[in-house]
Amino acid sequence: MATTACTQMPQEETPGIHPQRLSFAMEEVDALKSRGARVWCVPFARNLSGVEIRGNARTWWPQAQEAYPVSKAPEVGAVMAFSATNSMPLGHVAVVSAKQGDRRLLIDHANWHRNEVSLGMAVIDVSEANDWSRVRVETNPGAFGSVYPVEGFILPGA
């Protein structure tokens, strides 16, 4: 009688958002809300990603240039740095939580909807060069809003 042994190749750890970081970020949000304080994108992204940058979201991309690896391509766990615009003068930061193909991903972020956290919100790349420089964010399920410029992605880990 022959027996066949099944072997499984060791799997590489998938990079992404560590569950403890998500738990910590959400606990901080709950603590802020219980005190009647505002929930902002910057501390939420910092707590979730581990990217230790301070200041308004519009300053994150220039600050990251010397302190963190940066990319024009999204990676799970990276901070997506939105450019400042007339409608968003302080900029915005979000954390990539999943990639769903070459031109779609999911983000976790705070204060896109005032004082709320949005988890797993879809983003599509609408840039002509397919370089993630212009995106549309799913404002409501299945509805994508305005086009927003993006500086790039800040990767955790110095």
C-alpha atoms as a PDB file:
ATOM      1  CA  MET A   1       0.000   0.000   0.000  1.00  0.00           C
ATOM      2  CA  ALA A   2       1.462   3.322  -1.033  1.00  0.00           C
ATOM      3  CA  THR A   3       0.925   6.509   0.892  1.00  0.00           C
ATOM      4  CA  THR A   4       1.264   9.936  -0.522  1.00  0.00           C
ATOM      5  CA  ALA A   5       2.543  12.694   1.689  1.00  0.00           C
ATOM      6  CA  CYS A   6       1.113  16.107   1.081  1.00  0.00           C
ATOM      7  CA  THR A   7       3.554  18.905   1.503  1.00  0.00           C
ATOM      8  CA  GLN A   8       2.804  22.533   1.520  1.00  0.00           C
ATOM      9  CA  MET A   9       5.248  25.176   0.458  1.00  0.00           C
ATOM     10  CA  PRO A  10       5.887  27.722   3.188  1.00  0.00           C
ATOM     11  CA  GLN A  11       3.894  30.839   2.459  1.00  0.00           C
ATOM     12  CA  GLU A  12       5.418  34.265   2.668  1.00  0.00           C
ATOM     13  CA  GLU A  13       3.761  36.528   5.155  1.00  0.00           C
ATOM     14  CA  THR A  14       1.411  38.826   3.288  1.00  0.00           C
ATOM     15  CA  PRO A  15       2.238  42.443   3.981  1.00  0.00           C
ATOM     16  CA  GLY A  16      -0.660  44.453   5.221  1.00  0.00           C
ATOM     17  CA  ILE A  17      -2.284  46.115   8.113  1.00  0.00           C
ATOM     18  CA  HIS A  18      -1.514  44.367  11.353  1.00  0.00           C
ATOM     19  CA  PRO A  19      -4.725  43.530  13.271  1.00  0.00           C
ATOM     20  CA  GLN A  20      -3.268  45.040  16.457  1.00  0.00           C
ATOM     21  CA  ARG A  21      -2.662  48.329  14.644  1.00  0.00           C
ATOM     22  CA  LEU A  22      -6.264  48.396  13.416  1.00  0.00           C
ATOM     23  CA  SER A  23      -7.501  47.624  16.918  1.00  0.00           C
ATOM     24  CA  PHE A  24      -5.315  50.393  18.396  1.00  0.00           C
ATOM     25  CA  ALA A  25      -6.412  52.928  15.772  1.00  0.00           C
ATOM     26  CA  MET A  26     -10.086  52.154  16.387  1.00  0.00           C
ATOM     27  CA  GLU A  27      -9.635  52.336  20.184  1.00  0.00           C
ATOM     28  CA  GLU A  28      -8.111  55.793  19.745  1.00  0.00           C
ATOM     29  CA  VAL A  29     -11.088  56.847  17.609  1.00  0.00           C
ATOM     30  CA  ASP A  30     -13.508  55.596  20.272  1.00  0.00           C
ATOM     31  CA  ALA A  31     -11.575  57.479  22.972  1.00  0.00           C
ATOM     32  CA  LEU A  32     -11.690  60.711  20.953  1.00  0.00           C
ATOM     33  CA  LYS A  33     -15.395  60.394  20.261  1.00  0.00           C
ATOM     34  CA  SER A  34     -16.173  59.615  23.926  1.00  0.00           C
ATOM     35  CA  ARG A  35     -14.509  62.938  24.862  1.00  0.00           C
ATOM     36  CA  GLY A  36     -16.401  64.772  22.123  1.00  0.00           C
ATOM     37  CA  ALA A  37     -13.168  65.337  20.166  1.00  0.00           C
ATOM     38  CA  ARG A  38     -12.870  65.331  16.394  1.00  0.00           C
ATOM     39  CA  VAL A  39     -11.534  62.324  14.463  1.00  0.00           C
ATOM     40  CA  TRP A  40      -8.945  63.392  11.880  1.00  0.00           C
ATOM     41  CA  CYS A  41      -7.251  61.526   9.044  1.00  0.00           C
ATOM     42  CA  VAL A  42      -3.673  62.211  10.199  1.00  0.00           C
ATOM     43  CA  PRO A  43      -3.650  60.538  13.636  1.00  0.00           C
ATOM     44  CA  PHE A  44      -5.785  57.689  12.308  1.00  0.00           C
ATOM     45  CA  ALA A  45      -3.361  57.029   9.407  1.00  0.00           C
ATOM     46  CA  ARG A  46      -0.359  57.326  11.750  1.00  0.00           C
ATOM     47  CA  ASN A  47      -1.885  54.878  14.260  1.00  0.00           C
ATOM     48  CA  LEU A  48      -2.938  52.426  11.546  1.00  0.00           C
ATOM     49  CA  SER A  49       0.225  52.480   9.417  1.00  0.00           C
ATOM     50  CA  GLY A  50       3.014  53.166  11.882  1.00  0.00           C
ATOM     51  CA  VAL A  51       4.259  56.002   9.665  1.00  0.00           C
ATOM     52  CA  GLU A  52       5.326  58.523  12.298  1.00  0.00           C
ATOM     53  CA  ILE A  53       4.830  61.821  10.504  1.00  0.00           C
ATOM     54  CA  ARG A  54       3.241  64.851  12.174  1.00  0.00           C
ATOM     55  CA  GLY A  55       1.519  67.888  10.707  1.00  0.00           C
ATOM     56  CA  ASN A  56      -1.293  68.414   8.240  1.00  0.00           C
ATOM     57  CA  ALA A  57      -1.819  65.727   5.609  1.00  0.00           C
ATOM     58  CA  ARG A  58      -0.559  68.064   2.863  1.00  0.00           C
ATOM     59  CA  THR A  59       2.887  68.003   4.517  1.00  0.00           C
ATOM     60  CA  TRP A  60       3.241  64.221   4.706  1.00  0.00           C
ATOM     61  CA  TRP A  61       4.575  63.622   1.189  1.00  0.00           C
ATOM     62  CA  PRO A  62       7.430  66.160   1.416  1.00  0.00           C
ATOM     63  CA  GLN A  63       8.282  65.012   4.965  1.00  0.00           C
ATOM     64  CA  ALA A  64       8.363  61.359   3.879  1.00  0.00           C
ATOM     65  CA  GLN A  65      10.971  61.922   1.155  1.00  0.00           C
ATOM     66  CA  GLU A  66      13.897  61.715   3.577  1.00  0.00           C
ATOM     67  CA  ALA A  67      12.334  59.579   6.314  1.00  0.00           C
ATOM     68  CA  TYR A  68      10.455  56.719   4.596  1.00  0.00           C
ATOM     69  CA  PRO A  69      10.485  54.717   1.387  1.00  0.00           C
ATOM     70  CA  VAL A  70       8.023  56.234  -1.069  1.00  0.00           C
ATOM     71  CA  SER A  71       6.425  54.929  -4.240  1.00  0.00           C
ATOM     72  CA  LYS A  72       4.046  55.962  -6.977  1.00  0.00           C
ATOM     73  CA  ALA A  73       2.486  52.481  -6.849  1.00  0.00           C
ATOM     74  CA  PRO A  74       0.144  51.339  -4.073  1.00  0.00           C
ATOM     75  CA  GLU A  75       1.112  48.657  -1.591  1.00  0.00           C
ATOM     76  CA  VAL A  76      -1.036  47.237   1.175  1.00  0.00           C
ATOM     77  CA  GLY A  77      -0.161  49.026   4.416  1.00  0.00           C
ATOM     78  CA  ALA A  78       1.161  52.149   2.664  1.00  0.00           C
ATOM     79  CA  VAL A  79      -0.183  55.628   3.325  1.00  0.00           C
ATOM     80  CA  MET A  80      -1.831  57.194   0.274  1.00  0.00           C
ATOM     81  CA  ALA A  81      -0.981  60.920   0.334  1.00  0.00           C
ATOM     82  CA  PHE A  82      -3.625  63.057  -1.360  1.00  0.00           C
ATOM     83  CA  SER A  83      -2.572  66.494  -2.607  1.00  0.00           C
ATOM     84  CA  ALA A  84      -4.142  69.609  -1.157  1.00  0.00           C
ATOM     85  CA  THR A  85      -6.931  71.049  -3.312  1.00  0.00           C
ATOM     86  CA  ASN A  86      -9.376  73.951  -3.026  1.00  0.00           C
ATOM     87  CA  SER A  87     -11.973  71.609  -1.560  1.00  0.00           C
ATOM     88  CA  MET A  88      -9.384  69.789   0.584  1.00  0.00           C
ATOM     89  CA  PRO A  89      -6.838  72.490   1.556  1.00  0.00           C
ATOM     90  CA  LEU A  90      -5.165  70.404   4.274  1.00  0.00           C
ATOM     91  CA  GLY A  91      -4.758  67.395   1.984  1.00  0.00           C
ATOM     92  CA  HIS A  92      -5.760  63.910   3.114  1.00  0.00           C
ATOM     93  CA  VAL A  93      -4.080  60.637   4.055  1.00  0.00           C
ATOM     94  CA  ALA A  94      -5.463  57.108   3.966  1.00  0.00           C
ATOM     95  CA  VAL A  95      -4.016  53.625   4.400  1.00  0.00           C
ATOM     96  CA  VAL A  96      -4.189  51.030   1.620  1.00  0.00           C
ATOM     97  CA  SER A  97      -5.959  47.969   3.034  1.00  0.00           C
ATOM     98  CA  ALA A  98      -6.263  45.828  -0.128  1.00  0.00           C
ATOM     99  CA  LYS A  99      -5.395  45.809  -3.817  1.00  0.00           C
ATOM    100  CA  GLN A 100      -8.142  44.678  -6.177  1.00  0.00           C
ATOM    101  CA  GLY A 101      -6.357  44.761  -9.502  1.00  0.00           C
ATOM    102  CA  ASP A 102      -4.183  47.269 -11.301  1.00  0.00           C
ATOM    103  CA  ARG A 103      -6.575  50.199 -11.005  1.00  0.00           C
ATOM    104  CA  ARG A 104      -8.649  49.541  -7.890  1.00  0.00           C
ATOM    105  CA  LEU A 105      -7.822  49.314  -4.221  1.00  0.00           C
ATOM    106  CA  LEU A 106      -9.427  49.642  -0.812  1.00  0.00           C
ATOM    107  CA  ILE A 107      -8.442  52.200   1.811  1.00  0.00           C
ATOM    108  CA  ASP A 108      -9.086  52.733   5.498  1.00  0.00           C
ATOM    109  CA  HIS A 109      -9.242  56.367   6.567  1.00  0.00           C
ATOM    110  CA  ALA A 110     -10.869  58.914   8.837  1.00  0.00           C
ATOM    111  CA  ASN A 111     -12.841  62.098   8.311  1.00  0.00           C
ATOM    112  CA  TRP A 112     -13.735  61.582   4.634  1.00  0.00           C
ATOM    113  CA  HIS A 113     -17.228  61.649   6.027  1.00  0.00           C
ATOM    114  CA  ARG A 114     -17.049  64.181   8.841  1.00  0.00           C
ATOM    115  CA  ASN A 115     -15.784  62.685  12.090  1.00  0.00           C
ATOM    116  CA  GLU A 116     -16.175  59.084  10.880  1.00  0.00           C
ATOM    117  CA  VAL A 117     -13.849  56.212  10.041  1.00  0.00           C
ATOM    118  CA  SER A 118     -14.367  54.488   6.694  1.00  0.00           C
ATOM    119  CA  LEU A 119     -12.941  50.982   6.353  1.00  0.00           C
ATOM    120  CA  GLY A 120     -12.597  49.194   3.028  1.00  0.00           C
ATOM    121  CA  MET A 121     -13.594  52.202   0.908  1.00  0.00           C
ATOM    122  CA  ALA A 122     -12.875  51.634  -2.790  1.00  0.00           C
ATOM    123  CA  VAL A 123     -10.568  53.891  -4.800  1.00  0.00           C
ATOM    124  CA  ILE A 124     -10.069  53.733  -8.554  1.00  0.00           C
ATOM    125  CA  ASP A 125      -7.135  55.069 -10.537  1.00  0.00           C
ATOM    126  CA  VAL A 126      -8.457  57.402 -13.236  1.00  0.00           C
ATOM    127  CA  SER A 127      -5.104  58.812 -14.335  1.00  0.00           C
ATOM    128  CA  GLU A 128      -4.409  58.645 -18.060  1.00  0.00           C
ATOM    129  CA  ALA A 129      -0.968  57.125 -17.437  1.00  0.00           C
ATOM    130  CA  ASN A 130      -2.293  54.498 -14.981  1.00  0.00           C
ATOM    131  CA  ASP A 131       0.091  55.931 -12.356  1.00  0.00           C
ATOM    132  CA  TRP A 132      -2.274  56.616  -9.417  1.00  0.00           C
ATOM    133  CA  SER A 133      -1.779  60.383  -9.747  1.00  0.00           C
ATOM    134  CA  ARG A 134      -5.557  60.976 -10.038  1.00  0.00           C
ATOM    135  CA  VAL A 135      -8.194  58.925  -8.264  1.00  0.00           C
ATOM    136  CA  ARG A 136     -11.881  58.766  -7.494  1.00  0.00           C
ATOM    137  CA  VAL A 137     -13.009  57.637  -4.048  1.00  0.00           C
ATOM    138  CA  GLU A 138     -16.173  55.669  -3.363  1.00  0.00           C
ATOM    139  CA  THR A 139     -18.145  58.250  -1.386  1.00  0.00           C
ATOM    140  CA  ASN A 140     -21.169  55.978  -0.951  1.00  0.00           C
ATOM    141  CA  PRO A 141     -21.498  52.300  -1.890  1.00  0.00           C
ATOM    142  CA  GLY A 142     -21.149  52.075  -5.680  1.00  0.00           C
ATOM    143  CA  ALA A 143     -20.870  55.866  -6.121  1.00  0.00           C
ATOM    144  CA  PHE A 144     -17.497  57.412  -6.915  1.00  0.00           C
ATOM    145  CA  GLY A 145     -17.060  61.132  -6.301  1.00  0.00           C
ATOM    146  CA  SER A 146     -14.793  63.822  -7.679  1.00  0.00           C
ATOM    147  CA  VAL A 147     -11.299  63.305  -9.056  1.00  0.00           C
ATOM    148  CA  TYR A 148      -8.537  63.948  -6.517  1.00  0.00           C
ATOM    149  CA  PRO A 149      -4.793  64.310  -7.123  1.00  0.00           C
ATOM    150  CA  VAL A 150      -2.468  61.954  -5.253  1.00  0.00           C
ATOM    151  CA  GLU A 151       1.214  62.601  -4.484  1.00  0.00           C
ATOM    152  CA  GLY A 152       2.069  58.931  -3.942  1.00  0.00           C
ATOM    153  CA  PHE A 153       2.399  56.220  -1.316  1.00  0.00           C
ATOM    154  CA  ILE A 154       4.485  56.309   1.866  1.00  0.00           C
ATOM    155  CA  LEU A 155       5.684  52.860   2.862  1.00  0.00           C
ATOM    156  CA  PRO A 156       5.935  51.959   6.552  1.00  0.00           C
ATOM    157  CA  GLY A 157       9.373  51.219   7.940  1.00  0.00           C
ATOM    158  CA  ALA A 158      12.306  53.585   7.871  1.00  0.00           C
END
